[in-house]
Structures are given as C-alpha cells and as structure tokens.
C-alpha atoms as a PDB file:
ATOM      1  CA  UNK A   1       0.130  -0.027  -0.111  1.00  0.00           C
ATOM      2  CA  UNK A   2       1.341   3.302  -0.992  1.00  0.00           C
ATOM      3  CA  UNK A   3       1.965   5.915   1.890  1.00  0.00           C
ATOM      4  CA  UNK A   4       2.450   9.635   1.497  1.00  0.00           C
ATOM      5  CA  UNK A   5       6.099   9.353   2.218  1.00  0.00           C
ATOM      6  CA  UNK A   6       6.427   6.762  -0.673  1.00  0.00           C
ATOM      7  CA  UNK A   7       4.670   8.783  -3.266  1.00  0.00           C
ATOM      8  CA  UNK A   8       6.647  11.987  -2.582  1.00  0.00           C
ATOM      9  CA  UNK A   9       9.937   9.913  -2.592  1.00  0.00           C
ATOM     10  CA  UNK A  10       9.359   8.728  -5.729  1.00  0.00           C
ATOM     11  CA  UNK A  11       8.396  11.916  -7.373  1.00  0.00           C
ATOM     12  CA  UNK A  12      11.448  13.605  -5.904  1.00  0.00           C
ATOM     13  CA  UNK A  13      13.636  11.047  -7.107  1.00  0.00           C
ATOM     14  CA  UNK A  14      12.209  11.253 -10.822  1.00  0.00           C
ATOM     15  CA  UNK A  15      12.796  15.247 -10.442  1.00  0.00           C
ATOM     16  CA  UNK A  16      16.400  14.591  -9.178  1.00  0.00           C
ATOM     17  CA  UNK A  17      17.397  12.351 -12.013  1.00  0.00           C
ATOM     18  CA  UNK A  18      17.418  14.738 -14.822  1.00  0.00           C
ATOM     19  CA  UNK A  19      18.595  17.510 -12.578  1.00  0.00           C
ATOM     20  CA  UNK A  20      21.736  15.493 -11.289  1.00  0.00           C
ATOM     21  CA  UNK A  21      22.339  14.561 -14.916  1.00  0.00           C
ATOM     22  CA  UNK A  22      22.728  18.433 -15.785  1.00  0.00           C
ATOM     23  CA  UNK A  23      24.755  18.785 -12.438  1.00  0.00           C
ATOM     24  CA  UNK A  24      27.366  16.010 -13.323  1.00  0.00           C
ATOM     25  CA  UNK A  25      27.688  17.398 -16.693  1.00  0.00           C
ATOM     26  CA  UNK A  26      28.671  20.694 -15.249  1.00  0.00           C
ATOM     27  CA  UNK A  27      31.163  19.578 -12.606  1.00  0.00           C
ATOM     28  CA  UNK A  28      28.863  20.363  -9.686  1.00  0.00           C
ATOM     29  CA  UNK A  29      29.681  17.713  -7.089  1.00  0.00           C
ATOM     30  CA  UNK A  30      27.505  16.194  -4.719  1.00  0.00           C
ATOM     31  CA  UNK A  31      28.970  18.165  -1.857  1.00  0.00           C
ATOM     32  CA  UNK A  32      28.322  21.524  -3.508  1.00  0.00           C
ATOM     33  CA  UNK A  33      24.911  20.443  -4.405  1.00  0.00           C
ATOM     34  CA  UNK A  34      24.080  19.326  -0.744  1.00  0.00           C
ATOM     35  CA  UNK A  35      25.221  22.756   0.321  1.00  0.00           C
ATOM     36  CA  UNK A  36      22.817  24.633  -2.044  1.00  0.00           C
ATOM     37  CA  UNK A  37      19.934  22.442  -0.821  1.00  0.00           C
ATOM     38  CA  UNK A  38      20.883  23.220   2.890  1.00  0.00           C
ATOM     39  CA  UNK A  39      20.997  26.713   2.253  1.00  0.00           C
ATOM     40  CA  UNK A  40      17.600  26.458   0.478  1.00  0.00           C
ATOM     41  CA  UNK A  41      16.002  24.792   3.157  1.00  0.00           C
ATOM     42  CA  UNK A  42      16.634  27.317   5.632  1.00  0.00           C
ATOM     43  CA  UNK A  43      15.920  30.278   3.472  1.00  0.00           C
ATOM     44  CA  UNK A  44      12.519  28.754   2.678  1.00  0.00           C
ATOM     45  CA  UNK A  45      12.075  28.050   6.373  1.00  0.00           C
ATOM     46  CA  UNK A  46      13.090  31.427   7.275  1.00  0.00           C
ATOM     47  CA  UNK A  47      10.957  33.213   4.835  1.00  0.00           C
ATOM     48  CA  UNK A  48       7.656  30.983   4.559  1.00  0.00           C
ATOM     49  CA  UNK A  49       6.993  28.890   7.456  1.00  0.00           C
ATOM     50  CA  UNK A  50       7.165  31.563  10.178  1.00  0.00           C
ATOM     51  CA  UNK A  51       4.248  31.502  12.999  1.00  0.00           C
ATOM     52  CA  UNK A  52       1.990  34.439  12.779  1.00  0.00           C
ATOM     53  CA  UNK A  53       2.956  37.339  14.955  1.00  0.00           C
ATOM     54  CA  UNK A  54       6.150  35.885  15.966  1.00  0.00           C
ATOM     55  CA  UNK A  55       9.848  36.408  14.359  1.00  0.00           C
ATOM     56  CA  UNK A  56      11.406  33.418  12.963  1.00  0.00           C
ATOM     57  CA  UNK A  57      13.839  31.938  15.360  1.00  0.00           C
ATOM     58  CA  UNK A  58      17.012  29.769  14.788  1.00  0.00           C
ATOM     59  CA  UNK A  59      15.674  27.104  16.919  1.00  0.00           C
ATOM     60  CA  UNK A  60      12.420  26.756  14.979  1.00  0.00           C
ATOM     61  CA  UNK A  61      14.100  26.616  11.712  1.00  0.00           C
ATOM     62  CA  UNK A  62      16.555  23.783  13.228  1.00  0.00           C
ATOM     63  CA  UNK A  63      13.098  21.742  14.351  1.00  0.00           C
ATOM     64  CA  UNK A  64      11.360  22.193  11.025  1.00  0.00           C
ATOM     65  CA  UNK A  65      14.459  21.586   8.729  1.00  0.00           C
ATOM     66  CA  UNK A  66      16.130  19.039  10.925  1.00  0.00           C
ATOM     67  CA  UNK A  67      19.427  20.887  10.563  1.00  0.00           C
ATOM     68  CA  UNK A  68      21.194  21.810  14.178  1.00  0.00           C
ATOM     69  CA  UNK A  69      21.230  25.119  15.525  1.00  0.00           C
ATOM     70  CA  UNK A  70      24.834  25.882  14.919  1.00  0.00           C
ATOM     71  CA  UNK A  71      24.423  25.025  11.119  1.00  0.00           C
ATOM     72  CA  UNK A  72      21.359  27.089  10.839  1.00  0.00           C
ATOM     73  CA  UNK A  73      23.108  30.063  12.249  1.00  0.00           C
ATOM     74  CA  UNK A  74      26.165  29.486   9.778  1.00  0.00           C
ATOM     75  CA  UNK A  75      23.882  29.153   6.723  1.00  0.00           C
ATOM     76  CA  UNK A  76      21.886  32.141   7.660  1.00  0.00           C
ATOM     77  CA  UNK A  77      25.072  34.312   7.935  1.00  0.00           C
ATOM     78  CA  UNK A  78      26.086  33.533   4.141  1.00  0.00           C
ATOM     79  CA  UNK A  79      25.818  36.260   1.918  1.00  0.00           C
ATOM     80  CA  UNK A  80      23.396  35.779  -0.938  1.00  0.00           C
ATOM     81  CA  UNK A  81      24.088  33.919  -3.973  1.00  0.00           C
ATOM     82  CA  UNK A  82      25.064  36.627  -6.671  1.00  0.00           C
ATOM     83  CA  UNK A  83      22.666  37.425  -9.557  1.00  0.00           C
ATOM     84  CA  UNK A  84      24.336  36.884 -12.814  1.00  0.00           C
ATOM     85  CA  UNK A  85      22.164  39.469 -14.599  1.00  0.00           C
ATOM     86  CA  UNK A  86      21.091  36.594 -17.334  1.00  0.00           C
ATOM     87  CA  UNK A  87      17.242  36.857 -15.868  1.00  0.00           C
ATOM     88  CA  UNK A  88      17.416  40.496 -17.118  1.00  0.00           C
ATOM     89  CA  UNK A  89      19.122  40.096 -20.116  1.00  0.00           C
ATOM     90  CA  UNK A  90      16.626  37.233 -21.298  1.00  0.00           C
ATOM     91  CA  UNK A  91      13.694  39.195 -20.388  1.00  0.00           C
ATOM     92  CA  UNK A  92      14.522  42.357 -22.205  1.00  0.00           C
ATOM     93  CA  UNK A  93      15.533  40.764 -25.207  1.00  0.00           C
ATOM     94  CA  UNK A  94      12.242  38.702 -25.166  1.00  0.00           C
ATOM     95  CA  UNK A  95      10.404  41.960 -24.843  1.00  0.00           C
ATOM     96  CA  UNK A  96      11.904  43.547 -27.715  1.00  0.00           C
ATOM     97  CA  UNK A  97      10.869  40.481 -30.103  1.00  0.00           C
ATOM     98  CA  UNK A  98       7.583  40.554 -28.381  1.00  0.00           C
ATOM     99  CA  UNK A  99       6.758  44.232 -29.261  1.00  0.00           C
ATOM    100  CA  UNK A 100       8.371  43.600 -32.861  1.00  0.00           C
ATOM    101  CA  UNK A 101       5.835  40.962 -33.233  1.00  0.00           C
ATOM    102  CA  UNK A 102       2.658  42.660 -31.931  1.00  0.00           C
ATOM    103  CA  UNK A 103       2.945  46.477 -32.377  1.00  0.00           C
ATOM    104  CA  UNK A 104       1.701  47.727 -35.503  1.00  0.00           C
ATOM    105  CA  UNK A 105       3.980  50.714 -35.627  1.00  0.00           C
ATOM    106  CA  UNK A 106       6.781  47.996 -36.434  1.00  0.00           C
ATOM    107  CA  UNK A 107       4.773  46.307 -38.965  1.00  0.00           C
ATOM    108  CA  UNK A 108       4.573  46.391 -42.715  1.00  0.00           C
ATOM    109  CA  UNK A 109       1.363  46.614 -44.902  1.00  0.00           C
ATOM    110  CA  UNK A 110       0.664  43.057 -44.776  1.00  0.00           C
ATOM    111  CA  UNK A 111       0.602  43.416 -40.971  1.00  0.00           C
ATOM    112  CA  UNK A 112       3.958  41.318 -40.621  1.00  0.00           C
ATOM    113  CA  UNK A 113       6.937  42.339 -38.458  1.00  0.00           C
ATOM    114  CA  UNK A 114       8.936  44.760 -40.529  1.00  0.00           C
ATOM    115  CA  UNK A 115      12.423  44.939 -41.642  1.00  0.00           C
ATOM    116  CA  UNK A 116      13.394  48.056 -39.628  1.00  0.00           C
ATOM    117  CA  UNK A 117      16.284  50.792 -40.097  1.00  0.00           C
ATOM    118  CA  UNK A 118      18.599  50.900 -37.039  1.00  0.00           C
ATOM    119  CA  UNK A 119      18.035  54.434 -36.509  1.00  0.00           C
ATOM    120  CA  UNK A 120      14.919  56.920 -37.144  1.00  0.00           C
ATOM    121  CA  UNK A 121      11.427  57.036 -36.543  1.00  0.00           C
ATOM    122  CA  UNK A 122       9.931  53.501 -36.293  1.00  0.00           C
ATOM    123  CA  UNK A 123      13.310  52.026 -36.167  1.00  0.00           C
ATOM    124  CA  UNK A 124      14.973  49.494 -34.089  1.00  0.00           C
ATOM    125  CA  UNK A 125      16.416  52.005 -31.596  1.00  0.00           C
ATOM    126  CA  UNK A 126      12.782  53.219 -30.978  1.00  0.00           C
ATOM    127  CA  UNK A 127      11.681  49.803 -30.523  1.00  0.00           C
ATOM    128  CA  UNK A 128      14.292  48.994 -28.064  1.00  0.00           C
ATOM    129  CA  UNK A 129      13.723  52.419 -26.251  1.00  0.00           C
ATOM    130  CA  UNK A 130       9.958  51.249 -25.868  1.00  0.00           C
ATOM    131  CA  UNK A 131      10.149  47.728 -24.851  1.00  0.00           C
ATOM    132  CA  UNK A 132      13.626  47.321 -23.133  1.00  0.00           C
ATOM    133  CA  UNK A 133      14.132  50.547 -21.318  1.00  0.00           C
ATOM    134  CA  UNK A 134      17.579  51.972 -21.083  1.00  0.00           C
ATOM    135  CA  UNK A 135      19.289  48.917 -22.812  1.00  0.00           C
ATOM    136  CA  UNK A 136      21.719  50.159 -25.552  1.00  0.00           C
ATOM    137  CA  UNK A 137      20.185  49.186 -28.885  1.00  0.00           C
ATOM    138  CA  UNK A 138      23.387  48.167 -30.420  1.00  0.00           C
ATOM    139  CA  UNK A 139      23.879  45.758 -27.516  1.00  0.00           C
ATOM    140  CA  UNK A 140      20.318  44.291 -28.102  1.00  0.00           C
ATOM    141  CA  UNK A 141      20.798  43.983 -31.663  1.00  0.00           C
ATOM    142  CA  UNK A 142      24.230  41.941 -31.234  1.00  0.00           C
ATOM    143  CA  UNK A 143      22.505  39.646 -28.584  1.00  0.00           C
ATOM    144  CA  UNK A 144      19.491  39.080 -31.007  1.00  0.00           C
ATOM    145  CA  UNK A 145      21.845  38.286 -33.866  1.00  0.00           C
ATOM    146  CA  UNK A 146      23.831  35.899 -31.960  1.00  0.00           C
ATOM    147  CA  UNK A 147      21.195  33.848 -31.087  1.00  0.00           C
ATOM    148  CA  UNK A 148      19.596  33.970 -34.586  1.00  0.00           C
ATOM    149  CA  UNK A 149      16.719  35.929 -34.041  1.00  0.00           C
ATOM    150  CA  UNK A 150      17.639  38.943 -36.212  1.00  0.00           C
ATOM    151  CA  UNK A 151      19.868  39.346 -39.304  1.00  0.00           C
ATOM    152  CA  UNK A 152      20.930  42.423 -40.887  1.00  0.00           C
ATOM    153  CA  UNK A 153      20.237  43.033 -44.354  1.00  0.00           C
ATOM    154  CA  UNK A 154      22.795  44.239 -47.239  1.00  0.00           C
ATOM    155  CA  UNK A 155      21.316  47.502 -46.884  1.00  0.00           C
ATOM    156  CA  UNK A 156      22.024  47.750 -43.022  1.00  0.00           C
ATOM    157  CA  UNK A 157      18.334  47.285 -41.880  1.00  0.00           C
ATOM    158  CA  UNK A 158      17.307  44.651 -39.062  1.00  0.00           C
ATOM    159  CA  UNK A 159      15.239  41.600 -40.293  1.00  0.00           C
ATOM    160  CA  UNK A 160      13.248  39.594 -37.597  1.00  0.00           C
ATOM    161  CA  UNK A 161      13.701  35.739 -38.118  1.00  0.00           C
ATOM    162  CA  UNK A 162      12.240  34.063 -35.241  1.00  0.00           C
ATOM    163  CA  UNK A 163       9.201  34.483 -33.426  1.00  0.00           C
ATOM    164  CA  UNK A 164      10.780  34.263 -29.925  1.00  0.00           C
ATOM    165  CA  UNK A 165      13.838  34.877 -27.804  1.00  0.00           C
ATOM    166  CA  UNK A 166      15.470  31.224 -27.699  1.00  0.00           C
ATOM    167  CA  UNK A 167      19.231  31.258 -26.669  1.00  0.00           C
ATOM    168  CA  UNK A 168      21.493  29.402 -28.980  1.00  0.00           C
ATOM    169  CA  UNK A 169      24.732  30.622 -27.517  1.00  0.00           C
ATOM    170  CA  UNK A 170      26.773  29.754 -24.065  1.00  0.00           C
ATOM    171  CA  UNK A 171      25.494  27.848 -21.165  1.00  0.00           C
ATOM    172  CA  UNK A 172      24.502  30.571 -19.161  1.00  0.00           C
ATOM    173  CA  UNK A 173      21.379  31.446 -21.197  1.00  0.00           C
ATOM    174  CA  UNK A 174      20.447  27.832 -21.463  1.00  0.00           C
ATOM    175  CA  UNK A 175      20.887  27.095 -17.731  1.00  0.00           C
ATOM    176  CA  UNK A 176      18.726  30.268 -16.845  1.00  0.00           C
ATOM    177  CA  UNK A 177      15.684  28.112 -18.340  1.00  0.00           C
ATOM    178  CA  UNK A 178      16.619  25.584 -15.689  1.00  0.00           C
ATOM    179  CA  UNK A 179      16.231  28.014 -12.964  1.00  0.00           C
ATOM    180  CA  UNK A 180      12.976  29.642 -13.980  1.00  0.00           C
ATOM    181  CA  UNK A 181      10.798  27.635 -16.125  1.00  0.00           C
ATOM    182  CA  UNK A 182      11.139  24.276 -13.663  1.00  0.00           C
ATOM    183  CA  UNK A 183      10.628  26.701 -10.734  1.00  0.00           C
ATOM    184  CA  UNK A 184       7.506  28.081 -12.274  1.00  0.00           C
ATOM    185  CA  UNK A 185       6.226  24.563 -13.341  1.00  0.00           C
ATOM    186  CA  UNK A 186       7.110  23.171  -9.576  1.00  0.00           C
ATOM    187  CA  UNK A 187       5.364  26.409  -7.973  1.00  0.00           C
ATOM    188  CA  UNK A 188       2.260  25.473  -9.874  1.00  0.00           C
ATOM    189  CA  UNK A 189       2.351  21.689  -8.723  1.00  0.00           C
ATOM    190  CA  UNK A 190       2.883  22.882  -5.325  1.00  0.00           C
ATOM    191  CA  UNK A 191      -0.195  25.593  -5.656  1.00  0.00           C
ATOM    192  CA  UNK A 192      -2.507  22.747  -6.800  1.00  0.00           C
ATOM    193  CA  UNK A 193      -1.497  20.456  -4.044  1.00  0.00           C
ATOM    194  CA  UNK A 194      -2.349  22.892  -1.284  1.00  0.00           C
ATOM    195  CA  UNK A 195      -5.633  24.725  -2.773  1.00  0.00           C
ATOM    196  CA  UNK A 196      -8.890  23.571  -3.465  1.00  0.00           C
ATOM    197  CA  UNK A 197      -9.938  22.252  -7.018  1.00  0.00           C
ATOM    198  CA  UNK A 198     -11.733  25.609  -7.753  1.00  0.00           C
ATOM    199  CA  UNK A 199      -8.835  27.614  -7.166  1.00  0.00           C
ATOM    200  CA  UNK A 200      -6.403  25.272  -9.061  1.00  0.00           C
ATOM    201  CA  UNK A 201      -4.141  26.777 -11.886  1.00  0.00           C
ATOM    202  CA  UNK A 202      -4.186  25.343 -15.139  1.00  0.00           C
ATOM    203  CA  UNK A 203      -1.550  22.459 -15.335  1.00  0.00           C
ATOM    204  CA  UNK A 204      -2.319  19.863 -18.099  1.00  0.00           C
ATOM    205  CA  UNK A 205      -0.102  17.749 -20.610  1.00  0.00           C
ATOM    206  CA  UNK A 206      -1.040  15.176 -23.197  1.00  0.00           C
ATOM    207  CA  UNK A 207       1.407  12.244 -23.921  1.00  0.00           C
ATOM    208  CA  UNK A 208       1.096   8.797 -25.555  1.00  0.00           C
ATOM    209  CA  UNK A 209       3.897   6.207 -25.152  1.00  0.00           C
ATOM    210  CA  UNK A 210       3.771   3.818 -27.981  1.00  0.00           C
ATOM    211  CA  UNK A 211       4.085   6.325 -31.159  1.00  0.00           C
ATOM    212  CA  UNK A 212       6.117   5.310 -34.156  1.00  0.00           C
ATOM    213  CA  UNK A 213       9.231   7.058 -34.477  1.00  0.00           C
ATOM    214  CA  UNK A 214       8.440   8.242 -37.912  1.00  0.00           C
ATOM    215  CA  UNK A 215       5.840  10.730 -36.396  1.00  0.00           C
ATOM    216  CA  UNK A 216       8.544  12.438 -34.447  1.00  0.00           C
ATOM    217  CA  UNK A 217       9.240  15.124 -36.944  1.00  0.00           C
ATOM    218  CA  UNK A 218       5.740  15.756 -37.954  1.00  0.00           C
ATOM    219  CA  UNK A 219       4.926  16.012 -34.032  1.00  0.00           C
ATOM    220  CA  UNK A 220       7.552  18.826 -33.582  1.00  0.00           C
ATOM    221  CA  UNK A 221       6.102  21.026 -36.575  1.00  0.00           C
ATOM    222  CA  UNK A 222       2.559  20.602 -35.232  1.00  0.00           C
ATOM    223  CA  UNK A 223       3.437  21.133 -31.551  1.00  0.00           C
ATOM    224  CA  UNK A 224       5.665  24.420 -32.472  1.00  0.00           C
ATOM    225  CA  UNK A 225       3.088  25.646 -34.650  1.00  0.00           C
ATOM    226  CA  UNK A 226      -0.076  25.361 -32.084  1.00  0.00           C
ATOM    227  CA  UNK A 227       2.365  26.443 -29.338  1.00  0.00           C
ATOM    228  CA  UNK A 228       3.429  29.594 -30.747  1.00  0.00           C
ATOM    229  CA  UNK A 229      -0.067  30.353 -31.668  1.00  0.00           C
ATOM    230  CA  UNK A 230      -1.294  30.204 -28.270  1.00  0.00           C
ATOM    231  CA  UNK A 231       1.744  31.973 -26.695  1.00  0.00           C
ATOM    232  CA  UNK A 232       1.174  35.073 -28.854  1.00  0.00           C
ATOM    233  CA  UNK A 233      -2.417  35.329 -28.217  1.00  0.00           C
ATOM    234  CA  UNK A 234      -1.487  35.183 -24.486  1.00  0.00           C
ATOM    235  CA  UNK A 235       1.543  37.839 -25.205  1.00  0.00           C
ATOM    236  CA  UNK A 236      -1.002  40.236 -26.811  1.00  0.00           C
ATOM    237  CA  UNK A 237      -3.579  39.940 -24.023  1.00  0.00           C
ATOM    238  CA  UNK A 238      -0.736  40.335 -20.970  1.00  0.00           C
ATOM    239  CA  UNK A 239       1.105  43.203 -22.843  1.00  0.00           C
ATOM    240  CA  UNK A 240      -2.016  45.338 -22.953  1.00  0.00           C
ATOM    241  CA  UNK A 241      -2.332  44.957 -19.276  1.00  0.00           C
ATOM    242  CA  UNK A 242       1.475  45.019 -18.174  1.00  0.00           C
ATOM    243  CA  UNK A 243       2.340  48.279 -16.407  1.00  0.00           C
ATOM    244  CA  UNK A 244       5.806  48.610 -17.740  1.00  0.00           C
ATOM    245  CA  UNK A 245       4.366  48.461 -21.273  1.00  0.00           C
ATOM    246  CA  UNK A 246       1.373  50.957 -20.142  1.00  0.00           C
ATOM    247  CA  UNK A 247       2.228  52.948 -17.282  1.00  0.00           C
ATOM    248  CA  UNK A 248      -1.097  54.320 -17.307  1.00  0.00           C
ATOM    249  CA  UNK A 249      -2.992  51.221 -16.441  1.00  0.00           C
ATOM    250  CA  UNK A 250      -4.470  51.557 -12.991  1.00  0.00           C
ATOM    251  CA  UNK A 251      -5.098  48.478 -10.404  1.00  0.00           C
ATOM    252  CA  UNK A 252      -3.810  47.146  -7.027  1.00  0.00           C
ATOM    253  CA  UNK A 253      -0.827  44.847  -6.284  1.00  0.00           C
ATOM    254  CA  UNK A 254       1.474  43.090  -8.505  1.00  0.00           C
ATOM    255  CA  UNK A 255       1.868  39.688  -9.982  1.00  0.00           C
ATOM    256  CA  UNK A 256       3.391  37.643 -12.494  1.00  0.00           C
ATOM    257  CA  UNK A 257       1.269  35.830 -15.209  1.00  0.00           C
ATOM    258  CA  UNK A 258       2.138  33.575 -17.808  1.00  0.00           C
ATOM    259  CA  UNK A 259       2.047  30.059 -19.553  1.00  0.00           C
ATOM    260  CA  UNK A 260       4.732  27.783 -20.452  1.00  0.00           C
ATOM    261  CA  UNK A 261       4.649  25.085 -23.189  1.00  0.00           C
ATOM    262  CA  UNK A 262       7.446  22.389 -23.465  1.00  0.00           C
ATOM    263  CA  UNK A 263       8.030  19.207 -25.549  1.00  0.00           C
ATOM    264  CA  UNK A 264       7.771  15.844 -24.162  1.00  0.00           C
ATOM    265  CA  UNK A 265       9.883  13.286 -26.127  1.00  0.00           C
ATOM    266  CA  UNK A 266      11.753   9.913 -25.274  1.00  0.00           C
ATOM    267  CA  UNK A 267      11.284   7.195 -22.728  1.00  0.00           C
ATOM    268  CA  UNK A 268      12.130   7.014 -19.104  1.00  0.00           C
ATOM    269  CA  UNK A 269      12.615   3.663 -17.844  1.00  0.00           C
ATOM    270  CA  UNK A 270      10.682   3.521 -14.338  1.00  0.00           C
ATOM    271  CA  UNK A 271      12.974   0.808 -12.842  1.00  0.00           C
ATOM    272  CA  UNK A 272      16.522   2.509 -13.131  1.00  0.00           C
ATOM    273  CA  UNK A 273      15.885   5.869 -14.423  1.00  0.00           C
ATOM    274  CA  UNK A 274      17.963   5.104 -17.398  1.00  0.00           C
ATOM    275  CA  UNK A 275      17.078   7.263 -20.568  1.00  0.00           C
ATOM    276  CA  UNK A 276      16.110   5.149 -23.566  1.00  0.00           C
ATOM    277  CA  UNK A 277      17.659   6.689 -26.909  1.00  0.00           C
ATOM    278  CA  UNK A 278      15.383   6.463 -29.938  1.00  0.00           C
ATOM    279  CA  UNK A 279      17.612   3.818 -31.427  1.00  0.00           C
ATOM    280  CA  UNK A 280      16.364   1.401 -28.619  1.00  0.00           C
ATOM    281  CA  UNK A 281      12.802   1.846 -28.676  1.00  0.00           C
ATOM    282  CA  UNK A 282      11.614  -0.927 -31.129  1.00  0.00           C
END
C-alpha cells in the first residue's frame, strides 16, 4: 500500500534524475549540491514557514529543517548567491521581439513584422527604447543576432527571423531556463497540491507512449505551430495589461502571469531511471 512518504519520495527521485544529470555534466559535486540544498531549506523555512505574529527563530528553523542550530546560524550568515544578470537580459531581449511581433508601429503593410532601419522614426532604436528601457540598442541588436533571432540585410536594416527569444549561444542563457521554467512548473504543482480544486491553476499535458518514430518530425512541427499561436495570443493579452508597457494602467498590487509550453519526447525507464535512446525503442 502506497503511503504519502513513498509517493513523495518517488516523485522527488524522478525530479532529481534529470537535475543530477545536468549537475554532473557541469561539474557540480554532490557536496556542492548538498550545500545548496541546505541553504535553500534554511531560506525557505526562514521566509515562508513563520508563525503568525512571531519572529522566525534559529530554534524553529532547526526543528522544521532537521538541521542543528549551529548549522542554521552558519547558513543564515552566508551572503546571498550573486545574481548573474542573465534573467534581466533574457527578459529584455524577449520583450523587444514581443513588441516587434505585436506592435503595428513596427509592421509592414501586410501586418507582418517589418524590416527596420537601425535609427530614425519607427526604427530599431525606437523599438528597444519602448520595450527594453535603457538597454543600448547596439547591445540588444548584437544579442538578438547572436542567438539567430535577427539578421542584418545588405542595406544595414534589421530583419526579424524568429518569433521568440531562444538562446543558442553559451550555457549561461540555456541554464537560466533550468532555474526559471522548472521553478514555475513546480510552483504551480505546489499551488494545486495546497488549494481547493476550484482554485487550481491550469496544469495539463498530453502524451502517448507508443508512437512510431516516423511521426516525431511531424509532431515537432505541429506542436511548435500550435504552441507558438497560443503564446502569441497570450502575449497580446498580457502586454495590454502590463504596467511596464502601459504605465497609465491602474490597479492594485503586482503579480506575474504567464504560460509555459514544453515538448515531451523519449522514454524514461521507471525501474532504474535510464534514459532510452530512440535507437533502443522498437
């Protein structure tokens, strides 16, 4: 008979297998990972598991985390882990492409994203200023060309070649997704575990596990087309209600809204966690 402890242990192991694979690939030792886990346990306990009307204490953190008081004190005294700035660069680059896709001021007569001059009215510099604040337009242009989202025409104009910001360069940008997209998914699962069904956030997936390999390419094209359509429609809706893009919008508080779509492919062996390559699937 399954118990709560058994189910959560199995779930955590499934979550950890791909994460540990990434850690090993990038030279993060078990000791270093364990230190990060301990720090995070203390941080979350300190911030989110307080008792109403009482200041969080070392003793209480020690009780709920299972770490001794000396270790809790040490971990609380450590400096915060530095931000790399990747998050801000990622968001600003994505905003520029989003504005280019939906803002009619930067469209051609057919309603498609126009090829833009670098300077002048309706140019790339104006687009960056409108959607990326004080980021230098040349730096944004270089970044978007580096990841293959923008090309320079023979006349020196900028042509949008992608419908989203997908890093193709170094590991920093790609690893950023590990810390944001995975966090957002787990936060949604946590919310749905701790709230009533009528308060649940949207969380769905569709998968079939006995599809011939010949259909993989067709599936990728279909999923990309449908997923891009959904994301662009939501982008239009959210951008019209975002105060960074529309300072005149009134309302209380501040929250983050969004939807993530990702591809599921391959087969994970439940017995030992060994990933099965396409060649092994018969």
